[in-house]
Amino acid sequence: MNGTWRWAGARAIGTSHMKTGTPCQDYACAKLFLTRDGAVMAAVVSDGAGSASLAEFGSRTVCVTFLRACQDFLARSSLNDLDEDIVWDWIDTVREAINQKAKSASARPRDFAATLVALLVSENRSVVIHVGDGAAVVRLEGAEEWEVPSWPFQGEYASTTSFVTDDPQPRLEIVWVEGRVEEFAVFSDGIERMVLDHVSKVAHGPFFNRMLAPLKSSTADTVDKSLSLALKEYLDSANVCDRTDDDKSLILGLRT
């Protein structure tokens, strides 16, 4: 174990979007940051609101701007220095980026409405930063069970949630995970029903164990591009699309 990470990620358009000619409104990205206190793995997924006319641009803006804010912070600080005020600063930075895009497009910020689920993992401490649905799951060193630190938020009505663009501010969850995370997955709500038990509020461990298996035998130093392509094929497969017609994003990672 040398403290680095190997990961794969993909997103796929939902069949309902294909039928209506709507683009994929999910976005996902991951990056390994080398800090003064060691490596920090970051993964973020965003799902654009189906009712938002520019949702695909909103989700991309959320992911890219959020990772840039992480990079700026980690260039001078430790993940242990992160607190709620700093996370809110990151959210405000994302909201301001969306506001600027809205002005340029003569649109409203809510036309870019999108969720955020992010996971930052250091040596012995991690944090989930969460607005809306989707989720991050982790498996700690020595544990067999997968944990769901922050559960997807569902609004008062079916298929409603919270978005980064909500006025006056979004419903933000910040959950610290103590211990050494060995494996993780971050995903959008498109596959929630496949991988989470909403009654017992637990993760479906066999799914994640099966999906992480190819990464364990991979020889990639960081991102495995071949497995990322295979993951996209899986998300596009009939096995998945028969169970969900929504856009789907999934990032899988393990410590090497």
C-alpha atoms as a PDB file:
ATOM      1  CA  MET A   1       0.000   0.000   0.000  1.00  0.00           C
ATOM      2  CA  ASN A   2       1.636   3.268  -1.068  1.00  0.00           C
ATOM      3  CA  GLY A   3      -1.228   5.689  -0.487  1.00  0.00           C
ATOM      4  CA  THR A   4      -2.176   6.192  -4.129  1.00  0.00           C
ATOM      5  CA  TRP A   5      -5.429   5.393  -5.887  1.00  0.00           C
ATOM      6  CA  ARG A   6      -6.747   3.607  -8.940  1.00  0.00           C
ATOM      7  CA  TRP A   7     -10.174   4.463 -10.303  1.00  0.00           C
ATOM      8  CA  ALA A   8     -12.596   4.193 -13.202  1.00  0.00           C
ATOM      9  CA  GLY A   9     -15.619   6.298 -14.020  1.00  0.00           C
ATOM     10  CA  ALA A  10     -18.329   6.684 -16.616  1.00  0.00           C
ATOM     11  CA  ARG A  11     -21.697   8.258 -17.346  1.00  0.00           C
ATOM     12  CA  ALA A  12     -24.407   7.127 -19.721  1.00  0.00           C
ATOM     13  CA  ILE A  13     -27.522   8.730 -21.117  1.00  0.00           C
ATOM     14  CA  GLY A  14     -30.859   7.355 -19.950  1.00  0.00           C
ATOM     15  CA  THR A  15     -33.250   5.723 -22.386  1.00  0.00           C
ATOM     16  CA  SER A  16     -35.942   8.248 -21.484  1.00  0.00           C
ATOM     17  CA  HIS A  17     -33.598  11.045 -22.574  1.00  0.00           C
ATOM     18  CA  MET A  18     -32.849   9.247 -25.821  1.00  0.00           C
ATOM     19  CA  LYS A  19     -36.563   8.994 -26.599  1.00  0.00           C
ATOM     20  CA  THR A  20     -37.121  12.714 -26.053  1.00  0.00           C
ATOM     21  CA  GLY A  21     -33.875  13.858 -27.658  1.00  0.00           C
ATOM     22  CA  THR A  22     -32.634  15.256 -24.358  1.00  0.00           C
ATOM     23  CA  PRO A  23     -28.871  15.187 -23.782  1.00  0.00           C
ATOM     24  CA  CYS A  24     -27.235  13.406 -20.871  1.00  0.00           C
ATOM     25  CA  GLN A  25     -27.620  15.720 -17.875  1.00  0.00           C
ATOM     26  CA  ASP A  26     -25.168  13.888 -15.583  1.00  0.00           C
ATOM     27  CA  TYR A  27     -21.525  14.796 -15.179  1.00  0.00           C
ATOM     28  CA  ALA A  28     -18.783  13.059 -13.212  1.00  0.00           C
ATOM     29  CA  CYS A  29     -15.061  13.526 -12.653  1.00  0.00           C
ATOM     30  CA  ALA A  30     -12.279  12.503 -10.295  1.00  0.00           C
ATOM     31  CA  LYS A  31      -8.773  13.684  -9.496  1.00  0.00           C
ATOM     32  CA  LEU A  32      -5.892  12.689  -7.247  1.00  0.00           C
ATOM     33  CA  PHE A  33      -4.343  15.625  -5.382  1.00  0.00           C
ATOM     34  CA  LEU A  34      -0.833  15.371  -3.923  1.00  0.00           C
ATOM     35  CA  THR A  35      -0.738  17.512  -0.793  1.00  0.00           C
ATOM     36  CA  ARG A  36       1.785  18.233   1.948  1.00  0.00           C
ATOM     37  CA  ASP A  37       0.046  15.581   4.054  1.00  0.00           C
ATOM     38  CA  GLY A  38      -0.128  12.954   1.345  1.00  0.00           C
ATOM     39  CA  ALA A  39      -2.565  11.985  -1.378  1.00  0.00           C
ATOM     40  CA  VAL A  40      -6.202  13.104  -1.364  1.00  0.00           C
ATOM     41  CA  MET A  41      -8.568  11.331  -3.731  1.00  0.00           C
ATOM     42  CA  ALA A  42     -11.539  13.391  -4.908  1.00  0.00           C
ATOM     43  CA  ALA A  43     -14.597  12.173  -6.823  1.00  0.00           C
ATOM     44  CA  VAL A  44     -17.663  14.226  -7.674  1.00  0.00           C
ATOM     45  CA  VAL A  45     -20.927  13.491  -9.495  1.00  0.00           C
ATOM     46  CA  SER A  46     -23.697  15.896 -10.435  1.00  0.00           C
ATOM     47  CA  ASP A  47     -27.146  15.238 -11.873  1.00  0.00           C
ATOM     48  CA  GLY A  48     -28.817  18.092 -13.728  1.00  0.00           C
ATOM     49  CA  ALA A  49     -32.491  18.610 -12.938  1.00  0.00           C
ATOM     50  CA  GLY A  50     -34.792  17.183 -15.574  1.00  0.00           C
ATOM     51  CA  SER A  51     -36.918  20.331 -15.405  1.00  0.00           C
ATOM     52  CA  ALA A  52     -33.940  22.648 -15.967  1.00  0.00           C
ATOM     53  CA  SER A  53     -33.447  23.716 -19.577  1.00  0.00           C
ATOM     54  CA  LEU A  54     -29.645  23.979 -19.255  1.00  0.00           C
ATOM     55  CA  ALA A  55     -29.151  21.147 -16.794  1.00  0.00           C
ATOM     56  CA  GLU A  56     -26.301  19.497 -18.708  1.00  0.00           C
ATOM     57  CA  PHE A  57     -24.264  22.704 -18.392  1.00  0.00           C
ATOM     58  CA  GLY A  58     -25.210  23.019 -14.745  1.00  0.00           C
ATOM     59  CA  SER A  59     -23.938  19.566 -13.812  1.00  0.00           C
ATOM     60  CA  ARG A  60     -20.651  20.111 -15.634  1.00  0.00           C
ATOM     61  CA  THR A  61     -20.176  23.496 -13.987  1.00  0.00           C
ATOM     62  CA  VAL A  62     -20.845  21.990 -10.568  1.00  0.00           C
ATOM     63  CA  CYS A  63     -18.248  19.236 -10.994  1.00  0.00           C
ATOM     64  CA  VAL A  64     -15.499  21.263 -12.640  1.00  0.00           C
ATOM     65  CA  THR A  65     -15.823  24.286 -10.358  1.00  0.00           C
ATOM     66  CA  PHE A  66     -16.031  22.144  -7.246  1.00  0.00           C
ATOM     67  CA  LEU A  67     -12.835  20.250  -8.126  1.00  0.00           C
ATOM     68  CA  ARG A  68     -11.027  23.524  -8.833  1.00  0.00           C
ATOM     69  CA  ALA A  69     -12.056  24.827  -5.407  1.00  0.00           C
ATOM     70  CA  CYS A  70     -10.734  21.606  -3.854  1.00  0.00           C
ATOM     71  CA  GLN A  71      -7.468  21.979  -5.740  1.00  0.00           C
ATOM     72  CA  ASP A  72      -6.987  25.597  -4.617  1.00  0.00           C
ATOM     73  CA  PHE A  73      -7.616  24.646  -0.993  1.00  0.00           C
ATOM     74  CA  LEU A  74      -5.451  21.500  -0.941  1.00  0.00           C
ATOM     75  CA  ALA A  75      -2.547  23.345  -2.568  1.00  0.00           C
ATOM     76  CA  ARG A  76      -2.039  25.197   0.706  1.00  0.00           C
ATOM     77  CA  SER A  77      -3.957  23.258   3.356  1.00  0.00           C
ATOM     78  CA  SER A  78      -4.627  19.792   4.749  1.00  0.00           C
ATOM     79  CA  LEU A  79      -7.957  18.050   4.438  1.00  0.00           C
ATOM     80  CA  ASN A  80      -7.994  18.106   8.255  1.00  0.00           C
ATOM     81  CA  ASP A  81      -8.194  21.917   8.025  1.00  0.00           C
ATOM     82  CA  LEU A  82     -11.476  21.727   6.136  1.00  0.00           C
ATOM     83  CA  ASP A  83     -14.514  22.973   8.034  1.00  0.00           C
ATOM     84  CA  GLU A  84     -18.133  23.862   7.318  1.00  0.00           C
ATOM     85  CA  ASP A  85     -17.372  27.506   6.509  1.00  0.00           C
ATOM     86  CA  ILE A  86     -14.829  26.508   3.868  1.00  0.00           C
ATOM     87  CA  VAL A  87     -17.236  24.032   2.295  1.00  0.00           C
ATOM     88  CA  TRP A  88     -19.871  26.747   2.118  1.00  0.00           C
ATOM     89  CA  ASP A  89     -17.287  28.954   0.410  1.00  0.00           C
ATOM     90  CA  TRP A  90     -16.849  26.187  -2.173  1.00  0.00           C
ATOM     91  CA  ILE A  91     -20.609  25.973  -2.684  1.00  0.00           C
ATOM     92  CA  ASP A  92     -20.799  29.754  -3.060  1.00  0.00           C
ATOM     93  CA  THR A  93     -18.017  29.579  -5.659  1.00  0.00           C
ATOM     94  CA  VAL A  94     -19.998  26.977  -7.604  1.00  0.00           C
ATOM     95  CA  ARG A  95     -23.176  29.055  -7.341  1.00  0.00           C
ATOM     96  CA  GLU A  96     -21.339  32.158  -8.559  1.00  0.00           C
ATOM     97  CA  ALA A  97     -19.958  30.240 -11.559  1.00  0.00           C
ATOM     98  CA  ILE A  98     -23.513  29.195 -12.427  1.00  0.00           C
ATOM     99  CA  ASN A  99     -24.752  32.771 -11.967  1.00  0.00           C
ATOM    100  CA  GLN A 100     -22.141  33.997 -14.437  1.00  0.00           C
ATOM    101  CA  LYS A 101     -23.127  31.356 -16.987  1.00  0.00           C
ATOM    102  CA  ALA A 102     -26.771  32.252 -16.508  1.00  0.00           C
ATOM    103  CA  LYS A 103     -26.063  35.929 -17.199  1.00  0.00           C
ATOM    104  CA  SER A 104     -24.085  35.062 -20.321  1.00  0.00           C
ATOM    105  CA  ALA A 105     -26.950  32.886 -21.565  1.00  0.00           C
ATOM    106  CA  SER A 106     -29.694  35.386 -20.589  1.00  0.00           C
ATOM    107  CA  ALA A 107     -31.078  32.607 -18.397  1.00  0.00           C
ATOM    108  CA  ARG A 108     -31.868  32.046 -14.729  1.00  0.00           C
ATOM    109  CA  PRO A 109     -29.597  30.161 -12.307  1.00  0.00           C
ATOM    110  CA  ARG A 110     -32.342  27.609 -11.776  1.00  0.00           C
ATOM    111  CA  ASP A 111     -32.129  26.750 -15.479  1.00  0.00           C
ATOM    112  CA  PHE A 112     -28.759  25.189 -14.518  1.00  0.00           C
ATOM    113  CA  ALA A 113     -30.128  23.329 -11.469  1.00  0.00           C
ATOM    114  CA  ALA A 114     -28.002  20.328 -10.509  1.00  0.00           C
ATOM    115  CA  THR A 115     -27.139  18.160  -7.517  1.00  0.00           C
ATOM    116  CA  LEU A 116     -23.727  17.517  -5.969  1.00  0.00           C
ATOM    117  CA  VAL A 117     -22.280  14.441  -4.293  1.00  0.00           C
ATOM    118  CA  ALA A 118     -18.556  14.540  -3.606  1.00  0.00           C
ATOM    119  CA  LEU A 119     -16.097  12.420  -1.667  1.00  0.00           C
ATOM    120  CA  LEU A 120     -12.636  13.509  -0.530  1.00  0.00           C
ATOM    121  CA  VAL A 121     -10.412  10.789   0.940  1.00  0.00           C
ATOM    122  CA  SER A 122      -7.102  11.274   2.770  1.00  0.00           C
ATOM    123  CA  GLU A 123      -5.035   8.733   4.700  1.00  0.00           C
ATOM    124  CA  ASN A 124      -7.274   8.246   7.724  1.00  0.00           C
ATOM    125  CA  ARG A 125     -10.121  10.698   7.265  1.00  0.00           C
ATOM    126  CA  SER A 126     -12.669  11.387   4.550  1.00  0.00           C
ATOM    127  CA  VAL A 127     -15.596  13.705   3.971  1.00  0.00           C
ATOM    128  CA  VAL A 128     -18.794  13.496   1.949  1.00  0.00           C
ATOM    129  CA  ILE A 129     -20.216  16.791   0.675  1.00  0.00           C
ATOM    130  CA  HIS A 130     -23.759  16.329  -0.531  1.00  0.00           C
ATOM    131  CA  VAL A 131     -26.582  18.388  -2.024  1.00  0.00           C
ATOM    132  CA  GLY A 132     -29.583  16.441  -3.290  1.00  0.00           C
ATOM    133  CA  ASP A 133     -29.796  12.820  -4.362  1.00  0.00           C
ATOM    134  CA  GLY A 134     -27.214  10.340  -5.529  1.00  0.00           C
ATOM    135  CA  ALA A 135     -24.747   9.076  -2.921  1.00  0.00           C
ATOM    136  CA  ALA A 136     -21.226   8.041  -2.000  1.00  0.00           C
ATOM    137  CA  VAL A 137     -20.479   4.697  -0.357  1.00  0.00           C
ATOM    138  CA  VAL A 138     -17.242   3.610   1.291  1.00  0.00           C
ATOM    139  CA  ARG A 139     -15.631   0.456   2.649  1.00  0.00           C
ATOM    140  CA  LEU A 140     -13.207   0.950   5.507  1.00  0.00           C
ATOM    141  CA  GLU A 141     -10.033  -1.045   6.045  1.00  0.00           C
ATOM    142  CA  GLY A 142     -10.827  -4.395   7.651  1.00  0.00           C
ATOM    143  CA  ALA A 143     -14.586  -4.040   7.140  1.00  0.00           C
ATOM    144  CA  GLU A 144     -16.819  -6.169   4.952  1.00  0.00           C
ATOM    145  CA  GLU A 145     -19.842  -3.869   4.943  1.00  0.00           C
ATOM    146  CA  TRP A 146     -20.215  -0.762   2.821  1.00  0.00           C
ATOM    147  CA  GLU A 147     -21.227   2.455   4.580  1.00  0.00           C
ATOM    148  CA  VAL A 148     -23.515   5.199   3.245  1.00  0.00           C
ATOM    149  CA  PRO A 149     -22.381   8.301   5.180  1.00  0.00           C
ATOM    150  CA  SER A 150     -24.974  10.660   3.657  1.00  0.00           C
ATOM    151  CA  TRP A 151     -28.294   9.338   2.402  1.00  0.00           C
ATOM    152  CA  PRO A 152     -29.894  10.728  -0.804  1.00  0.00           C
ATOM    153  CA  PHE A 153     -32.304  13.559  -0.055  1.00  0.00           C
ATOM    154  CA  GLN A 154     -35.868  13.181  -1.274  1.00  0.00           C
ATOM    155  CA  GLY A 155     -38.251  16.147  -1.236  1.00  0.00           C
ATOM    156  CA  GLU A 156     -41.869  16.186  -0.116  1.00  0.00           C
ATOM    157  CA  TYR A 157     -43.038  15.031  -3.539  1.00  0.00           C
ATOM    158  CA  ALA A 158     -41.929  12.038  -5.600  1.00  0.00           C
ATOM    159  CA  SER A 159     -38.793  12.525  -7.697  1.00  0.00           C
ATOM    160  CA  THR A 160     -37.934  15.879  -6.084  1.00  0.00           C
ATOM    161  CA  THR A 161     -34.705  16.780  -4.349  1.00  0.00           C
ATOM    162  CA  SER A 162     -32.429  19.722  -3.524  1.00  0.00           C
ATOM    163  CA  PHE A 163     -30.108  21.505  -5.955  1.00  0.00           C
ATOM    164  CA  VAL A 164     -26.990  23.649  -5.644  1.00  0.00           C
ATOM    165  CA  THR A 165     -28.924  26.546  -7.192  1.00  0.00           C
ATOM    166  CA  ASP A 166     -31.757  26.486  -4.624  1.00  0.00           C
ATOM    167  CA  ASP A 167     -32.715  29.910  -3.276  1.00  0.00           C
ATOM    168  CA  PRO A 168     -31.774  31.232  -0.762  1.00  0.00           C
ATOM    169  CA  GLN A 169     -29.350  28.335  -0.230  1.00  0.00           C
ATOM    170  CA  PRO A 170     -29.179  24.597  -0.868  1.00  0.00           C
ATOM    171  CA  ARG A 171     -29.691  21.842   1.674  1.00  0.00           C
ATOM    172  CA  LEU A 172     -26.062  20.897   2.327  1.00  0.00           C
ATOM    173  CA  GLU A 173     -24.852  17.775   4.149  1.00  0.00           C
ATOM    174  CA  ILE A 174     -21.224  17.499   5.315  1.00  0.00           C
ATOM    175  CA  VAL A 175     -20.361  14.125   6.865  1.00  0.00           C
ATOM    176  CA  TRP A 176     -16.901  13.158   8.122  1.00  0.00           C
ATOM    177  CA  VAL A 177     -15.811   9.529   7.954  1.00  0.00           C
ATOM    178  CA  GLU A 178     -13.134   8.513  10.450  1.00  0.00           C
ATOM    179  CA  GLY A 179     -10.905   5.601   9.469  1.00  0.00           C
ATOM    180  CA  ARG A 180      -8.983   4.421   6.420  1.00  0.00           C
ATOM    181  CA  VAL A 181     -11.210   4.159   3.356  1.00  0.00           C
ATOM    182  CA  GLU A 182     -10.029   1.323   1.123  1.00  0.00           C
ATOM    183  CA  GLU A 183     -12.707   1.423  -1.591  1.00  0.00           C
ATOM    184  CA  PHE A 184     -15.436   3.827  -2.654  1.00  0.00           C
ATOM    185  CA  ALA A 185     -18.173   4.476  -5.170  1.00  0.00           C
ATOM    186  CA  VAL A 186     -19.891   7.760  -6.021  1.00  0.00           C
ATOM    187  CA  PHE A 187     -23.002   7.699  -8.192  1.00  0.00           C
ATOM    188  CA  SER A 188     -26.020   9.664  -9.379  1.00  0.00           C
ATOM    189  CA  ASP A 189     -29.634   8.850  -8.596  1.00  0.00           C
ATOM    190  CA  GLY A 190     -29.992   6.974 -11.892  1.00  0.00           C
ATOM    191  CA  ILE A 191     -28.757   3.788 -10.234  1.00  0.00           C
ATOM    192  CA  GLU A 192     -29.881   4.439  -6.652  1.00  0.00           C
ATOM    193  CA  ARG A 193     -32.636   1.825  -6.707  1.00  0.00           C
ATOM    194  CA  MET A 194     -30.174  -0.761  -8.006  1.00  0.00           C
ATOM    195  CA  VAL A 195     -27.498  -0.242  -5.368  1.00  0.00           C
ATOM    196  CA  LEU A 196     -29.223   1.084  -2.224  1.00  0.00           C
ATOM    197  CA  ASP A 197     -31.905  -0.456  -0.022  1.00  0.00           C
ATOM    198  CA  HIS A 198     -34.141   2.506   0.746  1.00  0.00           C
ATOM    199  CA  VAL A 199     -36.054   0.573   3.401  1.00  0.00           C
ATOM    200  CA  SER A 200     -33.108  -0.619   5.478  1.00  0.00           C
ATOM    201  CA  LYS A 201     -30.921   2.312   4.357  1.00  0.00           C
ATOM    202  CA  VAL A 202     -27.921   0.157   3.523  1.00  0.00           C
ATOM    203  CA  ALA A 203     -25.761  -0.317   0.450  1.00  0.00           C
ATOM    204  CA  HIS A 204     -26.023  -3.451  -1.673  1.00  0.00           C
ATOM    205  CA  GLY A 205     -22.553  -4.793  -0.909  1.00  0.00           C
ATOM    206  CA  PRO A 206     -22.407  -7.580  -3.527  1.00  0.00           C
ATOM    207  CA  PHE A 207     -22.927  -5.043  -6.309  1.00  0.00           C
ATOM    208  CA  PHE A 208     -20.010  -2.892  -5.245  1.00  0.00           C
ATOM    209  CA  ASN A 209     -17.773  -5.887  -4.539  1.00  0.00           C
ATOM    210  CA  ARG A 210     -18.460  -7.168  -8.033  1.00  0.00           C
ATOM    211  CA  MET A 211     -17.896  -3.787  -9.681  1.00  0.00           C
ATOM    212  CA  LEU A 212     -14.602  -3.185  -7.838  1.00  0.00           C
ATOM    213  CA  ALA A 213     -13.171  -6.602  -8.709  1.00  0.00           C
ATOM    214  CA  PRO A 214     -11.765  -5.597 -12.145  1.00  0.00           C
ATOM    215  CA  LEU A 215     -10.001  -2.598 -10.591  1.00  0.00           C
ATOM    216  CA  LYS A 216      -8.214  -4.884  -8.164  1.00  0.00           C
ATOM    217  CA  SER A 217      -6.605  -6.801 -11.003  1.00  0.00           C
ATOM    218  CA  SER A 218      -5.857  -3.688 -13.050  1.00  0.00           C
ATOM    219  CA  THR A 219      -2.293  -2.464 -13.496  1.00  0.00           C
ATOM    220  CA  ALA A 220      -3.213   1.183 -14.116  1.00  0.00           C
ATOM    221  CA  ASP A 221      -1.355   3.711 -11.972  1.00  0.00           C
ATOM    222  CA  THR A 222      -4.299   6.083 -11.601  1.00  0.00           C
ATOM    223  CA  VAL A 223      -7.364   6.181 -13.840  1.00  0.00           C
ATOM    224  CA  ASP A 224      -8.001   2.999 -15.811  1.00  0.00           C
ATOM    225  CA  LYS A 225      -9.293   4.240 -19.143  1.00  0.00           C
ATOM    226  CA  SER A 226     -10.077   0.768 -20.488  1.00  0.00           C
ATOM    227  CA  LEU A 227     -12.182  -0.077 -17.449  1.00  0.00           C
ATOM    228  CA  SER A 228     -13.876   3.304 -17.704  1.00  0.00           C
ATOM    229  CA  LEU A 229     -14.982   2.418 -21.234  1.00  0.00           C
ATOM    230  CA  ALA A 230     -16.158  -0.989 -20.038  1.00  0.00           C
ATOM    231  CA  LEU A 231     -18.060   0.697 -17.213  1.00  0.00           C
ATOM    232  CA  LYS A 232     -19.842   2.927 -19.722  1.00  0.00           C
ATOM    233  CA  GLU A 233     -20.808  -0.140 -21.752  1.00  0.00           C
ATOM    234  CA  TYR A 234     -22.234  -1.671 -18.591  1.00  0.00           C
ATOM    235  CA  LEU A 235     -24.251   1.460 -17.772  1.00  0.00           C
ATOM    236  CA  ASP A 236     -25.567   1.391 -21.355  1.00  0.00           C
ATOM    237  CA  SER A 237     -26.429  -2.311 -21.212  1.00  0.00           C
ATOM    238  CA  ALA A 238     -29.922  -3.760 -21.257  1.00  0.00           C
ATOM    239  CA  ASN A 239     -29.308  -5.203 -17.803  1.00  0.00           C
ATOM    240  CA  VAL A 240     -29.124  -1.658 -16.419  1.00  0.00           C
ATOM    241  CA  CYS A 241     -31.467   0.151 -18.797  1.00  0.00           C
ATOM    242  CA  ASP A 242     -34.261  -2.352 -18.125  1.00  0.00           C
ATOM    243  CA  ARG A 243     -34.131  -1.258 -14.483  1.00  0.00           C
ATOM    244  CA  THR A 244     -33.702   2.496 -14.915  1.00  0.00           C
ATOM    245  CA  ASP A 245     -34.416   4.888 -17.770  1.00  0.00           C
ATOM    246  CA  ASP A 246     -32.536   7.805 -16.184  1.00  0.00           C
ATOM    247  CA  ASP A 247     -29.034   9.105 -16.824  1.00  0.00           C
ATOM    248  CA  LYS A 248     -26.425   7.175 -14.863  1.00  0.00           C
ATOM    249  CA  SER A 249     -23.000   8.102 -13.486  1.00  0.00           C
ATOM    250  CA  LEU A 250     -20.621   5.962 -11.439  1.00  0.00           C
ATOM    251  CA  ILE A 251     -17.057   6.442 -10.182  1.00  0.00           C
ATOM    252  CA  LEU A 252     -15.298   3.503  -8.534  1.00  0.00           C
ATOM    253  CA  GLY A 253     -11.986   3.758  -6.677  1.00  0.00           C
ATOM    254  CA  LEU A 254      -9.630   1.735  -4.512  1.00  0.00           C
ATOM    255  CA  ARG A 255      -6.470   2.407  -2.590  1.00  0.00           C
ATOM    256  CA  THR A 256      -3.357   0.766  -4.040  1.00  0.00           C
END
